[in-house]
Amino acid sequence: MSNRVNSRFSFWLPGPGYDRNLFSPEAVWASIDYIHANPVRRGLCESELEWRWSSAGFYADHFPVVSDVDRCDVQRPMTISRGVHA
């Protein structure tokens, strides 16, 4: 696979991307909640729990979950709501 923009096939989208280190439980869970909400924001489903490939159902104890999920061992701070919209 090539990541060159001018090649016939490009696996990655052009651009620098955006990555960062997550140093606090608030940042970890805000990122998880953000990722869970992506299909809803794109209009692919009305609830995070409806998106078949999401781990949102796993964290909300809503089963079945299609893929294996490694539980995040970082404790969710009490100031952060679950973020799941059922």
C-alpha atoms as a PDB file:
ATOM      1  CA  MET A   1       0.000   0.000   0.000  1.00  0.00           C
ATOM      2  CA  SER A   2       1.173   3.449  -0.756  1.00  0.00           C
ATOM      3  CA  ASN A   3       0.544   6.655   1.077  1.00  0.00           C
ATOM      4  CA  ARG A   4       1.818   8.879  -1.737  1.00  0.00           C
ATOM      5  CA  VAL A   5      -0.859  11.305  -2.884  1.00  0.00           C
ATOM      6  CA  ASN A   6       0.077  11.014  -6.577  1.00  0.00           C
ATOM      7  CA  SER A   7       0.069   7.219  -6.700  1.00  0.00           C
ATOM      8  CA  ARG A   8      -2.762   5.233  -8.261  1.00  0.00           C
ATOM      9  CA  PHE A   9      -3.814   3.994  -4.849  1.00  0.00           C
ATOM     10  CA  SER A  10      -3.666   5.916  -1.605  1.00  0.00           C
ATOM     11  CA  PHE A  11      -4.649   4.149   1.586  1.00  0.00           C
ATOM     12  CA  TRP A  12      -4.381   7.214   3.827  1.00  0.00           C
ATOM     13  CA  LEU A  13      -6.021  10.516   3.120  1.00  0.00           C
ATOM     14  CA  PRO A  14      -3.656  13.379   2.347  1.00  0.00           C
ATOM     15  CA  GLY A  15      -2.901  15.817   5.127  1.00  0.00           C
ATOM     16  CA  PRO A  16      -1.017  15.804   8.385  1.00  0.00           C
ATOM     17  CA  GLY A  17      -3.714  14.131  10.499  1.00  0.00           C
ATOM     18  CA  TYR A  18      -4.240  14.935  14.137  1.00  0.00           C
ATOM     19  CA  ASP A  19      -2.863  12.970  17.011  1.00  0.00           C
ATOM     20  CA  ARG A  20      -2.236  13.797  20.630  1.00  0.00           C
ATOM     21  CA  ASN A  21      -1.393  12.186  23.918  1.00  0.00           C
ATOM     22  CA  LEU A  22      -4.193  11.827  26.441  1.00  0.00           C
ATOM     23  CA  PHE A  23      -2.912  12.549  29.923  1.00  0.00           C
ATOM     24  CA  SER A  24      -6.053  12.730  32.046  1.00  0.00           C
ATOM     25  CA  PRO A  25      -9.103  10.512  32.554  1.00  0.00           C
ATOM     26  CA  GLU A  26     -11.261  13.414  31.346  1.00  0.00           C
ATOM     27  CA  ALA A  27      -9.342  13.549  28.056  1.00  0.00           C
ATOM     28  CA  VAL A  28      -9.502   9.760  27.580  1.00  0.00           C
ATOM     29  CA  TRP A  29     -13.261   9.572  28.102  1.00  0.00           C
ATOM     30  CA  ALA A  30     -13.975  12.734  26.109  1.00  0.00           C
ATOM     31  CA  SER A  31     -12.150  11.090  23.189  1.00  0.00           C
ATOM     32  CA  ILE A  32     -14.029   7.798  23.580  1.00  0.00           C
ATOM     33  CA  ASP A  33     -17.362   9.660  23.720  1.00  0.00           C
ATOM     34  CA  TYR A  34     -16.366  11.734  20.670  1.00  0.00           C
ATOM     35  CA  ILE A  35     -15.566   8.590  18.682  1.00  0.00           C
ATOM     36  CA  HIS A  36     -18.826   6.936  19.751  1.00  0.00           C
ATOM     37  CA  ALA A  37     -20.780   9.983  18.556  1.00  0.00           C
ATOM     38  CA  ASN A  38     -19.157  10.087  15.080  1.00  0.00           C
ATOM     39  CA  PRO A  39     -21.766   7.875  13.312  1.00  0.00           C
ATOM     40  CA  VAL A  40     -24.563   9.953  14.856  1.00  0.00           C
ATOM     41  CA  ARG A  41     -22.964  13.215  13.701  1.00  0.00           C
ATOM     42  CA  ARG A  42     -22.643  11.776  10.181  1.00  0.00           C
ATOM     43  CA  GLY A  43     -26.321  10.815  10.161  1.00  0.00           C
ATOM     44  CA  LEU A  44     -25.587   7.086   9.917  1.00  0.00           C
ATOM     45  CA  CYS A  45     -27.697   6.311  12.976  1.00  0.00           C
ATOM     46  CA  GLU A  46     -29.731   8.145  15.581  1.00  0.00           C
ATOM     47  CA  SER A  47     -28.001   6.654  18.626  1.00  0.00           C
ATOM     48  CA  GLU A  48     -24.486   5.482  19.382  1.00  0.00           C
ATOM     49  CA  LEU A  49     -26.043   2.196  20.460  1.00  0.00           C
ATOM     50  CA  GLU A  50     -27.481   1.659  16.974  1.00  0.00           C
ATOM     51  CA  TRP A  51     -24.076   1.694  15.261  1.00  0.00           C
ATOM     52  CA  ARG A  52     -23.236  -1.968  14.874  1.00  0.00           C
ATOM     53  CA  TRP A  53     -19.447  -1.598  14.935  1.00  0.00           C
ATOM     54  CA  SER A  54     -19.249   0.763  17.891  1.00  0.00           C
ATOM     55  CA  SER A  55     -17.995  -0.079  21.363  1.00  0.00           C
ATOM     56  CA  ALA A  56     -20.643   2.283  22.802  1.00  0.00           C
ATOM     57  CA  GLY A  57     -22.961  -0.653  23.470  1.00  0.00           C
ATOM     58  CA  PHE A  58     -20.200  -2.462  25.320  1.00  0.00           C
ATOM     59  CA  TYR A  59     -19.650   0.488  27.664  1.00  0.00           C
ATOM     60  CA  ALA A  60     -23.402   0.938  28.171  1.00  0.00           C
ATOM     61  CA  ASP A  61     -23.867  -2.792  28.908  1.00  0.00           C
ATOM     62  CA  HIS A  62     -26.122  -2.960  25.871  1.00  0.00           C
ATOM     63  CA  PHE A  63     -25.569  -6.205  24.011  1.00  0.00           C
ATOM     64  CA  PRO A  64     -24.872  -7.771  21.556  1.00  0.00           C
ATOM     65  CA  VAL A  65     -21.648  -6.083  20.458  1.00  0.00           C
ATOM     66  CA  VAL A  66     -20.310  -7.248  17.089  1.00  0.00           C
ATOM     67  CA  SER A  67     -16.588  -6.849  17.696  1.00  0.00           C
ATOM     68  CA  ASP A  68     -14.255  -7.680  20.556  1.00  0.00           C
ATOM     69  CA  VAL A  69     -13.642  -4.724  22.831  1.00  0.00           C
ATOM     70  CA  ASP A  70     -10.752  -4.119  25.188  1.00  0.00           C
ATOM     71  CA  ARG A  71     -12.266  -2.350  28.185  1.00  0.00           C
ATOM     72  CA  CYS A  72     -10.705   1.022  28.969  1.00  0.00           C
ATOM     73  CA  ASP A  73      -9.290   0.662  32.470  1.00  0.00           C
ATOM     74  CA  VAL A  74      -9.227   4.422  33.040  1.00  0.00           C
ATOM     75  CA  GLN A  75     -11.953   5.280  35.528  1.00  0.00           C
ATOM     76  CA  ARG A  76     -14.593   7.616  34.109  1.00  0.00           C
ATOM     77  CA  PRO A  77     -14.576  10.820  36.193  1.00  0.00           C
ATOM     78  CA  MET A  78     -17.854  11.638  37.896  1.00  0.00           C
ATOM     79  CA  THR A  79     -17.889  14.986  36.060  1.00  0.00           C
ATOM     80  CA  ILE A  80     -18.137  13.256  32.662  1.00  0.00           C
ATOM     81  CA  SER A  81     -21.539  11.914  31.652  1.00  0.00           C
ATOM     82  CA  ARG A  82     -21.742   8.655  29.744  1.00  0.00           C
ATOM     83  CA  GLY A  83     -22.379  10.437  26.461  1.00  0.00           C
ATOM     84  CA  VAL A  84     -24.476   7.584  25.081  1.00  0.00           C
ATOM     85  CA  HIS A  85     -27.804   8.652  23.650  1.00  0.00           C
ATOM     86  CA  ALA A  86     -30.211   5.731  23.749  1.00  0.00           C
END
